[in-house]
Amino acid sequence: MINKKRKILSGIAILLILVASGIVINFRSYPFSVNLFKSGQGWGYDIKYRSKVLIHQPYMPAVEGKIAFQNKRAAKKTGLLVVKKLRNKQQPTIKIEELTSIIKNTN
């Protein structure tokens, strides 16, 4: 009976260690996240690095004036492009051509 309890507790302990390791590995592999928020009449995004806001973008980048994204999908796709650039150690700037393509493909 005692050996059975030990085996069960050992199994649970190993499972908890594996789950905790997976969480840590995932956190290290993907430390960036995109969070969307309402901005005026549209949408904006934050890029977070390990839960700290790295980029706050309430308006469309590369566009003159303060114009928010018209829909969540365009804001998210743009934010994900910025994250992709950051992961590839590139400048996180968005060109007007990239933004135009994103907007065209989300309408």
N, C-alpha and C. Protein backbone atom coordinates (compact mmCIF):
# COMPACT_ATOMS: atom_id res chain seq x y z
N MET A 1 0.83 -1.20 0.00
CA MET A 1 0.00 0.00 0.00
C MET A 1 0.87 1.26 0.00
N ILE A 2 1.91 1.27 0.85
CA ILE A 2 2.79 2.43 0.93
C ILE A 2 3.56 2.59 -0.38
N ASN A 3 4.03 1.48 -0.98
CA ASN A 3 4.74 1.55 -2.26
C ASN A 3 3.85 2.10 -3.36
N LYS A 4 2.57 1.74 -3.34
CA LYS A 4 1.64 2.23 -4.34
C LYS A 4 1.46 3.75 -4.22
N LYS A 5 1.35 4.25 -2.98
CA LYS A 5 1.22 5.69 -2.75
C LYS A 5 2.48 6.42 -3.19
N ARG A 6 3.65 5.83 -2.92
CA ARG A 6 4.91 6.44 -3.34
C ARG A 6 5.00 6.55 -4.86
N LYS A 7 4.58 5.48 -5.54
CA LYS A 7 4.60 5.49 -7.00
C LYS A 7 3.67 6.56 -7.55
N ILE A 8 2.50 6.69 -6.97
CA ILE A 8 1.54 7.70 -7.41
C ILE A 8 2.10 9.10 -7.18
N LEU A 9 2.64 9.33 -5.97
CA LEU A 9 3.22 10.64 -5.66
C LEU A 9 4.42 10.95 -6.55
N SER A 10 5.23 9.95 -6.83
CA SER A 10 6.38 10.14 -7.72
C SER A 10 5.91 10.49 -9.12
N GLY A 11 4.88 9.80 -9.58
CA GLY A 11 4.32 10.09 -10.91
C GLY A 11 3.77 11.50 -10.99
N ILE A 12 3.07 11.93 -9.96
CA ILE A 12 2.53 13.28 -9.93
C ILE A 12 3.65 14.31 -9.90
N ALA A 13 4.68 14.06 -9.11
CA ALA A 13 5.82 14.98 -9.03
C ALA A 13 6.52 15.11 -10.38
N ILE A 14 6.72 13.99 -11.06
CA ILE A 14 7.36 14.02 -12.38
C ILE A 14 6.49 14.79 -13.37
N LEU A 15 5.20 14.55 -13.32
CA LEU A 15 4.28 15.26 -14.21
C LEU A 15 4.32 16.77 -13.96
N LEU A 16 4.33 17.19 -12.70
CA LEU A 16 4.41 18.61 -12.37
C LEU A 16 5.72 19.24 -12.86
N ILE A 17 6.80 18.51 -12.72
CA ILE A 17 8.10 19.00 -13.20
C ILE A 17 8.07 19.17 -14.71
N LEU A 18 7.50 18.21 -15.42
CA LEU A 18 7.42 18.31 -16.88
C LEU A 18 6.55 19.48 -17.32
N VAL A 19 5.43 19.68 -16.65
CA VAL A 19 4.54 20.79 -16.98
C VAL A 19 5.25 22.13 -16.72
N ALA A 20 5.90 22.26 -15.56
CA ALA A 20 6.61 23.49 -15.23
C ALA A 20 7.74 23.75 -16.23
N SER A 21 8.45 22.72 -16.62
CA SER A 21 9.53 22.88 -17.61
C SER A 21 8.97 23.35 -18.94
N GLY A 22 7.85 22.80 -19.35
CA GLY A 22 7.22 23.20 -20.61
C GLY A 22 6.81 24.66 -20.58
N ILE A 23 6.29 25.12 -19.46
CA ILE A 23 5.88 26.52 -19.34
C ILE A 23 7.09 27.44 -19.44
N VAL A 24 8.17 27.09 -18.76
CA VAL A 24 9.39 27.91 -18.80
C VAL A 24 9.98 27.93 -20.20
N ILE A 25 10.04 26.78 -20.86
CA ILE A 25 10.59 26.71 -22.21
C ILE A 25 9.73 27.53 -23.16
N ASN A 26 8.42 27.41 -23.05
CA ASN A 26 7.52 28.17 -23.91
C ASN A 26 7.68 29.67 -23.67
N PHE A 27 7.81 30.08 -22.44
CA PHE A 27 7.97 31.49 -22.10
C PHE A 27 9.26 32.05 -22.68
N ARG A 28 10.31 31.25 -22.65
CA ARG A 28 11.60 31.70 -23.20
C ARG A 28 11.57 31.72 -24.71
N SER A 29 10.86 30.78 -25.34
CA SER A 29 10.81 30.70 -26.79
C SER A 29 9.96 31.81 -27.39
N TYR A 30 8.91 32.18 -26.71
CA TYR A 30 7.96 33.17 -27.23
C TYR A 30 7.72 34.26 -26.20
N PRO A 31 8.74 35.10 -25.94
CA PRO A 31 8.55 36.12 -24.91
C PRO A 31 7.73 37.33 -25.38
N PHE A 32 7.43 37.40 -26.70
CA PHE A 32 6.67 38.53 -27.23
C PHE A 32 5.18 38.17 -27.32
N SER A 33 4.34 39.18 -27.11
CA SER A 33 2.91 38.98 -27.30
C SER A 33 2.29 40.25 -27.86
N VAL A 34 1.14 40.09 -28.51
CA VAL A 34 0.40 41.21 -29.08
C VAL A 34 -0.91 41.33 -28.31
N ASN A 35 -1.17 42.50 -27.78
CA ASN A 35 -2.43 42.76 -27.07
C ASN A 35 -3.16 43.89 -27.79
N LEU A 36 -4.42 43.65 -28.14
CA LEU A 36 -5.23 44.63 -28.86
C LEU A 36 -6.04 45.46 -27.88
N PHE A 37 -6.33 46.70 -28.27
CA PHE A 37 -7.16 47.56 -27.43
C PHE A 37 -7.92 48.54 -28.31
N LYS A 38 -9.04 49.03 -27.80
CA LYS A 38 -9.81 50.06 -28.50
C LYS A 38 -9.02 51.36 -28.47
N SER A 39 -9.00 52.04 -29.61
CA SER A 39 -8.29 53.31 -29.73
C SER A 39 -9.16 54.25 -30.54
N GLY A 40 -9.77 55.19 -29.88
CA GLY A 40 -10.67 56.11 -30.58
C GLY A 40 -11.81 55.34 -31.22
N GLN A 41 -11.96 55.50 -32.54
CA GLN A 41 -13.02 54.81 -33.28
C GLN A 41 -12.54 53.46 -33.85
N GLY A 42 -11.33 53.06 -33.51
CA GLY A 42 -10.79 51.82 -34.08
C GLY A 42 -10.02 51.01 -33.06
N TRP A 43 -8.89 50.46 -33.52
CA TRP A 43 -8.08 49.54 -32.71
C TRP A 43 -6.61 49.91 -32.77
N GLY A 44 -5.90 49.55 -31.71
CA GLY A 44 -4.46 49.68 -31.64
C GLY A 44 -3.88 48.41 -31.05
N TYR A 45 -2.58 48.37 -30.88
CA TYR A 45 -1.96 47.19 -30.28
C TYR A 45 -0.76 47.58 -29.42
N ASP A 46 -0.48 46.71 -28.47
CA ASP A 46 0.74 46.77 -27.67
C ASP A 46 1.56 45.54 -27.99
N ILE A 47 2.85 45.71 -28.07
CA ILE A 47 3.77 44.58 -28.17
C ILE A 47 4.40 44.47 -26.80
N LYS A 48 4.23 43.30 -26.19
CA LYS A 48 4.80 43.08 -24.87
C LYS A 48 5.97 42.11 -24.98
N TYR A 49 6.97 42.36 -24.15
CA TYR A 49 8.11 41.47 -24.04
C TYR A 49 8.16 41.03 -22.59
N ARG A 50 7.91 39.74 -22.38
CA ARG A 50 7.85 39.19 -21.02
C ARG A 50 6.91 40.02 -20.14
N SER A 51 5.73 40.30 -20.66
CA SER A 51 4.63 41.02 -20.01
C SER A 51 4.91 42.51 -19.72
N LYS A 52 5.98 43.06 -20.28
CA LYS A 52 6.26 44.49 -20.16
C LYS A 52 6.01 45.14 -21.53
N VAL A 53 5.26 46.25 -21.55
CA VAL A 53 4.95 46.90 -22.82
C VAL A 53 6.23 47.47 -23.44
N LEU A 54 6.52 46.98 -24.63
CA LEU A 54 7.70 47.41 -25.37
C LEU A 54 7.32 48.46 -26.40
N ILE A 55 6.18 48.24 -27.06
CA ILE A 55 5.68 49.16 -28.09
C ILE A 55 4.20 49.40 -27.84
N HIS A 56 3.81 50.65 -27.75
CA HIS A 56 2.40 51.03 -27.62
C HIS A 56 2.02 51.73 -28.92
N GLN A 57 1.12 51.12 -29.70
CA GLN A 57 0.78 51.63 -31.02
C GLN A 57 -0.73 51.87 -31.12
N PRO A 58 -1.19 53.05 -30.70
CA PRO A 58 -2.63 53.33 -30.76
C PRO A 58 -3.13 53.67 -32.17
N TYR A 59 -2.20 53.98 -33.09
CA TYR A 59 -2.57 54.37 -34.45
C TYR A 59 -1.79 53.54 -35.46
N MET A 60 -2.25 53.55 -36.70
CA MET A 60 -1.56 52.81 -37.74
C MET A 60 -0.18 53.41 -37.97
N PRO A 61 0.85 52.57 -37.97
CA PRO A 61 2.19 53.08 -38.25
C PRO A 61 2.32 53.39 -39.75
N ALA A 62 3.25 54.24 -40.10
CA ALA A 62 3.57 54.59 -41.50
C ALA A 62 2.48 55.42 -42.17
N VAL A 63 1.46 55.82 -41.41
CA VAL A 63 0.37 56.63 -41.96
C VAL A 63 0.42 58.00 -41.28
N GLU A 64 0.35 59.04 -42.08
CA GLU A 64 0.37 60.39 -41.53
C GLU A 64 -0.93 60.66 -40.77
N GLY A 65 -0.82 61.25 -39.62
CA GLY A 65 -2.00 61.54 -38.81
C GLY A 65 -2.25 60.44 -37.79
N LYS A 66 -3.23 60.67 -36.98
CA LYS A 66 -3.58 59.72 -35.91
C LYS A 66 -4.81 58.94 -36.33
N ILE A 67 -4.58 57.87 -37.09
CA ILE A 67 -5.67 57.06 -37.62
C ILE A 67 -5.55 55.66 -37.04
N ALA A 68 -6.57 55.25 -36.29
CA ALA A 68 -6.58 53.91 -35.69
C ALA A 68 -6.92 52.87 -36.76
N PHE A 69 -6.60 51.62 -36.49
CA PHE A 69 -6.98 50.53 -37.37
C PHE A 69 -8.50 50.41 -37.37
N GLN A 70 -9.08 50.14 -38.52
CA GLN A 70 -10.53 50.04 -38.62
C GLN A 70 -11.08 48.75 -38.05
N ASN A 71 -10.25 47.70 -37.98
CA ASN A 71 -10.72 46.43 -37.42
C ASN A 71 -9.62 45.74 -36.62
N LYS A 72 -10.05 44.85 -35.75
CA LYS A 72 -9.12 44.12 -34.88
C LYS A 72 -8.14 43.28 -35.68
N ARG A 73 -8.63 42.68 -36.75
CA ARG A 73 -7.81 41.76 -37.52
C ARG A 73 -6.59 42.46 -38.12
N ALA A 74 -6.78 43.64 -38.66
CA ALA A 74 -5.66 44.40 -39.25
C ALA A 74 -4.66 44.81 -38.17
N ALA A 75 -5.18 45.22 -37.01
CA ALA A 75 -4.29 45.59 -35.90
C ALA A 75 -3.47 44.38 -35.45
N LYS A 76 -4.13 43.23 -35.34
CA LYS A 76 -3.43 42.02 -34.88
C LYS A 76 -2.39 41.57 -35.90
N LYS A 77 -2.75 41.56 -37.18
CA LYS A 77 -1.79 41.14 -38.21
C LYS A 77 -0.57 42.06 -38.24
N THR A 78 -0.79 43.34 -38.06
CA THR A 78 0.32 44.29 -38.05
C THR A 78 1.20 44.05 -36.82
N GLY A 79 0.57 43.86 -35.68
CA GLY A 79 1.32 43.56 -34.46
C GLY A 79 2.13 42.28 -34.58
N LEU A 80 1.54 41.26 -35.20
CA LEU A 80 2.26 40.00 -35.40
C LEU A 80 3.45 40.16 -36.35
N LEU A 81 3.30 41.04 -37.34
CA LEU A 81 4.43 41.32 -38.23
C LEU A 81 5.56 42.00 -37.46
N VAL A 82 5.22 42.91 -36.57
CA VAL A 82 6.23 43.57 -35.75
C VAL A 82 6.95 42.54 -34.88
N VAL A 83 6.19 41.62 -34.27
CA VAL A 83 6.79 40.57 -33.44
C VAL A 83 7.71 39.69 -34.27
N LYS A 84 7.28 39.34 -35.47
CA LYS A 84 8.12 38.53 -36.36
C LYS A 84 9.45 39.22 -36.63
N LYS A 85 9.38 40.52 -36.89
CA LYS A 85 10.61 41.28 -37.14
C LYS A 85 11.50 41.31 -35.90
N LEU A 86 10.90 41.50 -34.73
CA LEU A 86 11.68 41.51 -33.50
C LEU A 86 12.36 40.17 -33.26
N ARG A 87 11.64 39.08 -33.49
CA ARG A 87 12.22 37.74 -33.31
C ARG A 87 13.37 37.49 -34.27
N ASN A 88 13.27 38.09 -35.47
CA ASN A 88 14.33 37.93 -36.46
C ASN A 88 15.42 38.98 -36.32
N LYS A 89 15.37 39.73 -35.19
CA LYS A 89 16.36 40.75 -34.88
C LYS A 89 16.43 41.84 -35.96
N GLN A 90 15.25 42.19 -36.50
CA GLN A 90 15.14 43.26 -37.48
C GLN A 90 14.53 44.48 -36.79
N GLN A 91 14.64 45.63 -37.46
CA GLN A 91 13.97 46.82 -36.96
C GLN A 91 12.46 46.58 -37.02
N PRO A 92 11.73 46.94 -35.97
CA PRO A 92 10.29 46.66 -35.95
C PRO A 92 9.44 47.70 -36.67
N THR A 93 10.01 48.38 -37.64
CA THR A 93 9.25 49.39 -38.37
C THR A 93 8.38 48.74 -39.44
N ILE A 94 7.24 49.37 -39.69
CA ILE A 94 6.31 48.89 -40.71
C ILE A 94 6.33 49.88 -41.87
N LYS A 95 6.50 49.34 -43.07
CA LYS A 95 6.50 50.17 -44.28
C LYS A 95 5.06 50.33 -44.75
N ILE A 96 4.81 51.40 -45.45
CA ILE A 96 3.46 51.68 -45.96
C ILE A 96 2.98 50.53 -46.87
N GLU A 97 3.90 49.94 -47.63
CA GLU A 97 3.53 48.82 -48.51
C GLU A 97 3.06 47.61 -47.70
N GLU A 98 3.74 47.34 -46.58
CA GLU A 98 3.35 46.22 -45.73
C GLU A 98 1.97 46.48 -45.12
N LEU A 99 1.77 47.69 -44.65
CA LEU A 99 0.50 48.05 -44.04
C LEU A 99 -0.64 47.99 -45.06
N THR A 100 -0.39 48.49 -46.25
CA THR A 100 -1.40 48.46 -47.32
C THR A 100 -1.80 47.03 -47.64
N SER A 101 -0.82 46.14 -47.72
CA SER A 101 -1.09 44.73 -47.99
C SER A 101 -1.92 44.09 -46.88
N ILE A 102 -1.58 44.39 -45.64
CA ILE A 102 -2.33 43.85 -44.50
C ILE A 102 -3.78 44.33 -44.54
N ILE A 103 -3.97 45.63 -44.75
CA ILE A 103 -5.32 46.20 -44.76
C ILE A 103 -6.13 45.63 -45.91
N LYS A 104 -5.51 45.50 -47.08
CA LYS A 104 -6.20 44.96 -48.25
C LYS A 104 -6.67 43.52 -48.00
N ASN A 105 -5.84 42.74 -47.29
CA ASN A 105 -6.15 41.33 -47.06
C ASN A 105 -7.04 41.09 -45.83
N THR A 106 -7.41 42.13 -45.13
CA THR A 106 -8.28 41.95 -43.96
C THR A 106 -9.67 42.55 -44.17
N ASN A 107 -9.90 43.17 -45.28
CA ASN A 107 -11.24 43.76 -45.55
C ASN A 107 -12.15 42.76 -46.22
